[in-house]
Amino acid sequence: MPNCAACRILYGAKLPPQDPPCDTCRPVLCDENEDAIMLYSIVQNQWIMGAGGPVEINHLAVWAAIDRYGVKDGVKVFEKILALSRWMMNRINEKKET
């Protein structure tokens, strides 16, 4: 995972000071998360929408992708995709508030 605090310090110490490229930052992926990341990239637009924006990722779409790609530990990958989608929804909602 990236070290966000260190990155902010590094970019803040530049002359002139700069904002870190948080929107384009790519964290280092662990091998155990590859299936979840790959499948999330497939279902990332399958949001269930509410009046204020996305409220949940479509579980049926996630399970269909897990089944279609023959993922071994489907429940574990499903849980990781849900965690990633919640993180993404929080980022979307934070951007709306600013």
C-alpha atoms as a PDB file:
ATOM      1  CA  MET A   1       0.000   0.000   0.000  1.00  0.00           C
ATOM      2  CA  PRO A   2       1.186   3.523  -0.623  1.00  0.00           C
ATOM      3  CA  ASN A   3       2.383   5.591   2.313  1.00  0.00           C
ATOM      4  CA  CYS A   4       0.082   8.595   1.954  1.00  0.00           C
ATOM      5  CA  ALA A   5       1.549  10.624   4.836  1.00  0.00           C
ATOM      6  CA  ALA A   6       5.098  10.253   3.527  1.00  0.00           C
ATOM      7  CA  CYS A   7       3.955  11.149   0.018  1.00  0.00           C
ATOM      8  CA  ARG A   8       2.265  14.339   1.253  1.00  0.00           C
ATOM      9  CA  ILE A   9       5.451  15.335   3.101  1.00  0.00           C
ATOM     10  CA  LEU A  10       7.593  14.599   0.043  1.00  0.00           C
ATOM     11  CA  TYR A  11       5.444  16.655  -2.320  1.00  0.00           C
ATOM     12  CA  GLY A  12       5.009  19.434   0.248  1.00  0.00           C
ATOM     13  CA  ALA A  13       8.801  19.767   0.559  1.00  0.00           C
ATOM     14  CA  LYS A  14       9.277  20.375  -3.175  1.00  0.00           C
ATOM     15  CA  LEU A  15      10.098  23.850  -4.415  1.00  0.00           C
ATOM     16  CA  PRO A  16       7.533  25.114  -5.038  1.00  0.00           C
ATOM     17  CA  PRO A  17       5.370  22.863  -2.838  1.00  0.00           C
ATOM     18  CA  GLN A  18       3.002  20.610  -4.775  1.00  0.00           C
ATOM     19  CA  ASP A  19      -0.087  18.560  -4.053  1.00  0.00           C
ATOM     20  CA  PRO A  20       0.508  14.799  -4.248  1.00  0.00           C
ATOM     21  CA  PRO A  21      -1.106  12.967  -7.203  1.00  0.00           C
ATOM     22  CA  CYS A  22      -3.620  11.103  -5.011  1.00  0.00           C
ATOM     23  CA  ASP A  23      -6.181  10.670  -7.828  1.00  0.00           C
ATOM     24  CA  THR A  24      -3.697   8.754  -9.971  1.00  0.00           C
ATOM     25  CA  CYS A  25      -1.876   6.895  -7.193  1.00  0.00           C
ATOM     26  CA  ARG A  26      -1.702   3.152  -7.812  1.00  0.00           C
ATOM     27  CA  PRO A  27      -1.214   1.065  -4.661  1.00  0.00           C
ATOM     28  CA  VAL A  28       0.978  -1.998  -4.851  1.00  0.00           C
ATOM     29  CA  LEU A  29      -1.267  -5.047  -5.159  1.00  0.00           C
ATOM     30  CA  CYS A  30      -0.777  -8.184  -3.123  1.00  0.00           C
ATOM     31  CA  ASP A  31      -1.020 -11.434  -5.089  1.00  0.00           C
ATOM     32  CA  GLU A  32      -3.922 -12.527  -2.872  1.00  0.00           C
ATOM     33  CA  ASN A  33      -5.992  -9.563  -4.114  1.00  0.00           C
ATOM     34  CA  GLU A  34      -5.482 -10.015  -7.856  1.00  0.00           C
ATOM     35  CA  ASP A  35      -8.779 -11.846  -8.460  1.00  0.00           C
ATOM     36  CA  ALA A  36     -10.774  -9.250  -6.536  1.00  0.00           C
ATOM     37  CA  ILE A  37      -9.139  -6.333  -8.364  1.00  0.00           C
ATOM     38  CA  MET A  38      -9.578  -7.964 -11.766  1.00  0.00           C
ATOM     39  CA  LEU A  39     -13.251  -8.737 -11.121  1.00  0.00           C
ATOM     40  CA  TYR A  40     -13.903  -5.307  -9.625  1.00  0.00           C
ATOM     41  CA  SER A  41     -12.585  -3.748 -12.831  1.00  0.00           C
ATOM     42  CA  ILE A  42     -15.264  -5.749 -14.680  1.00  0.00           C
ATOM     43  CA  VAL A  43     -18.208  -4.864 -12.398  1.00  0.00           C
ATOM     44  CA  GLN A  44     -17.126  -1.388 -11.304  1.00  0.00           C
ATOM     45  CA  ASN A  45     -19.981   0.297 -13.174  1.00  0.00           C
ATOM     46  CA  GLN A  46     -22.689  -1.978 -11.787  1.00  0.00           C
ATOM     47  CA  TRP A  47     -23.895   0.424  -9.112  1.00  0.00           C
ATOM     48  CA  ILE A  48     -27.336   0.441  -7.555  1.00  0.00           C
ATOM     49  CA  MET A  49     -28.227   4.109  -7.637  1.00  0.00           C
ATOM     50  CA  GLY A  50     -30.159   6.171  -5.122  1.00  0.00           C
ATOM     51  CA  ALA A  51     -31.245   9.789  -5.239  1.00  0.00           C
ATOM     52  CA  GLY A  52     -27.834  10.961  -4.051  1.00  0.00           C
ATOM     53  CA  GLY A  53     -25.675   8.616  -6.110  1.00  0.00           C
ATOM     54  CA  PRO A  54     -24.461   5.028  -5.720  1.00  0.00           C
ATOM     55  CA  VAL A  55     -25.674   3.145  -2.651  1.00  0.00           C
ATOM     56  CA  GLU A  56     -24.298  -0.356  -3.326  1.00  0.00           C
ATOM     57  CA  ILE A  57     -22.632  -2.459  -5.965  1.00  0.00           C
ATOM     58  CA  ASN A  58     -24.945  -4.966  -7.621  1.00  0.00           C
ATOM     59  CA  HIS A  59     -24.265  -8.259  -5.831  1.00  0.00           C
ATOM     60  CA  LEU A  60     -25.789 -10.258  -8.676  1.00  0.00           C
ATOM     61  CA  ALA A  61     -23.297  -8.764 -11.130  1.00  0.00           C
ATOM     62  CA  VAL A  62     -20.420  -9.529  -8.754  1.00  0.00           C
ATOM     63  CA  TRP A  63     -21.509 -13.161  -8.312  1.00  0.00           C
ATOM     64  CA  ALA A  64     -22.038 -13.559 -12.056  1.00  0.00           C
ATOM     65  CA  ALA A  65     -18.458 -12.385 -12.677  1.00  0.00           C
ATOM     66  CA  ILE A  66     -17.121 -14.692  -9.952  1.00  0.00           C
ATOM     67  CA  ASP A  67     -18.949 -17.643 -11.494  1.00  0.00           C
ATOM     68  CA  ARG A  68     -18.068 -16.738 -15.101  1.00  0.00           C
ATOM     69  CA  TYR A  69     -14.354 -16.450 -14.354  1.00  0.00           C
ATOM     70  CA  GLY A  70     -14.272 -19.561 -12.162  1.00  0.00           C
ATOM     71  CA  VAL A  71     -12.752 -17.905  -9.118  1.00  0.00           C
ATOM     72  CA  LYS A  72     -11.735 -20.520  -6.537  1.00  0.00           C
ATOM     73  CA  ASP A  73     -12.571 -18.771  -3.270  1.00  0.00           C
ATOM     74  CA  GLY A  74     -15.667 -16.884  -4.390  1.00  0.00           C
ATOM     75  CA  VAL A  75     -16.890 -15.820  -0.948  1.00  0.00           C
ATOM     76  CA  LYS A  76     -13.541 -14.287  -0.003  1.00  0.00           C
ATOM     77  CA  VAL A  77     -13.279 -12.468  -3.341  1.00  0.00           C
ATOM     78  CA  PHE A  78     -16.890 -11.284  -3.009  1.00  0.00           C
ATOM     79  CA  GLU A  79     -16.110  -9.785   0.404  1.00  0.00           C
ATOM     80  CA  LYS A  80     -13.027  -8.019  -0.983  1.00  0.00           C
ATOM     81  CA  ILE A  81     -15.029  -6.591  -3.876  1.00  0.00           C
ATOM     82  CA  LEU A  82     -17.671  -5.304  -1.443  1.00  0.00           C
ATOM     83  CA  ALA A  83     -14.976  -3.665   0.686  1.00  0.00           C
ATOM     84  CA  LEU A  84     -13.422  -2.067  -2.391  1.00  0.00           C
ATOM     85  CA  SER A  85     -16.792  -0.839  -3.655  1.00  0.00           C
ATOM     86  CA  ARG A  86     -17.612   0.708  -0.246  1.00  0.00           C
ATOM     87  CA  TRP A  87     -14.250   2.477  -0.278  1.00  0.00           C
ATOM     88  CA  MET A  88     -14.984   3.770  -3.786  1.00  0.00           C
ATOM     89  CA  MET A  89     -18.480   4.941  -2.792  1.00  0.00           C
ATOM     90  CA  ASN A  90     -16.956   6.865   0.117  1.00  0.00           C
ATOM     91  CA  ARG A  91     -14.517   8.571  -2.278  1.00  0.00           C
ATOM     92  CA  ILE A  92     -17.377   9.455  -4.651  1.00  0.00           C
ATOM     93  CA  ASN A  93     -19.428  10.884  -1.771  1.00  0.00           C
ATOM     94  CA  GLU A  94     -16.454  12.857  -0.421  1.00  0.00           C
ATOM     95  CA  LYS A  95     -15.913  14.449  -3.831  1.00  0.00           C
ATOM     96  CA  LYS A  96     -19.604  15.438  -4.001  1.00  0.00           C
ATOM     97  CA  GLU A  97     -19.331  17.223  -0.640  1.00  0.00           C
ATOM     98  CA  THR A  98     -16.396  19.390  -1.729  1.00  0.00           C
END
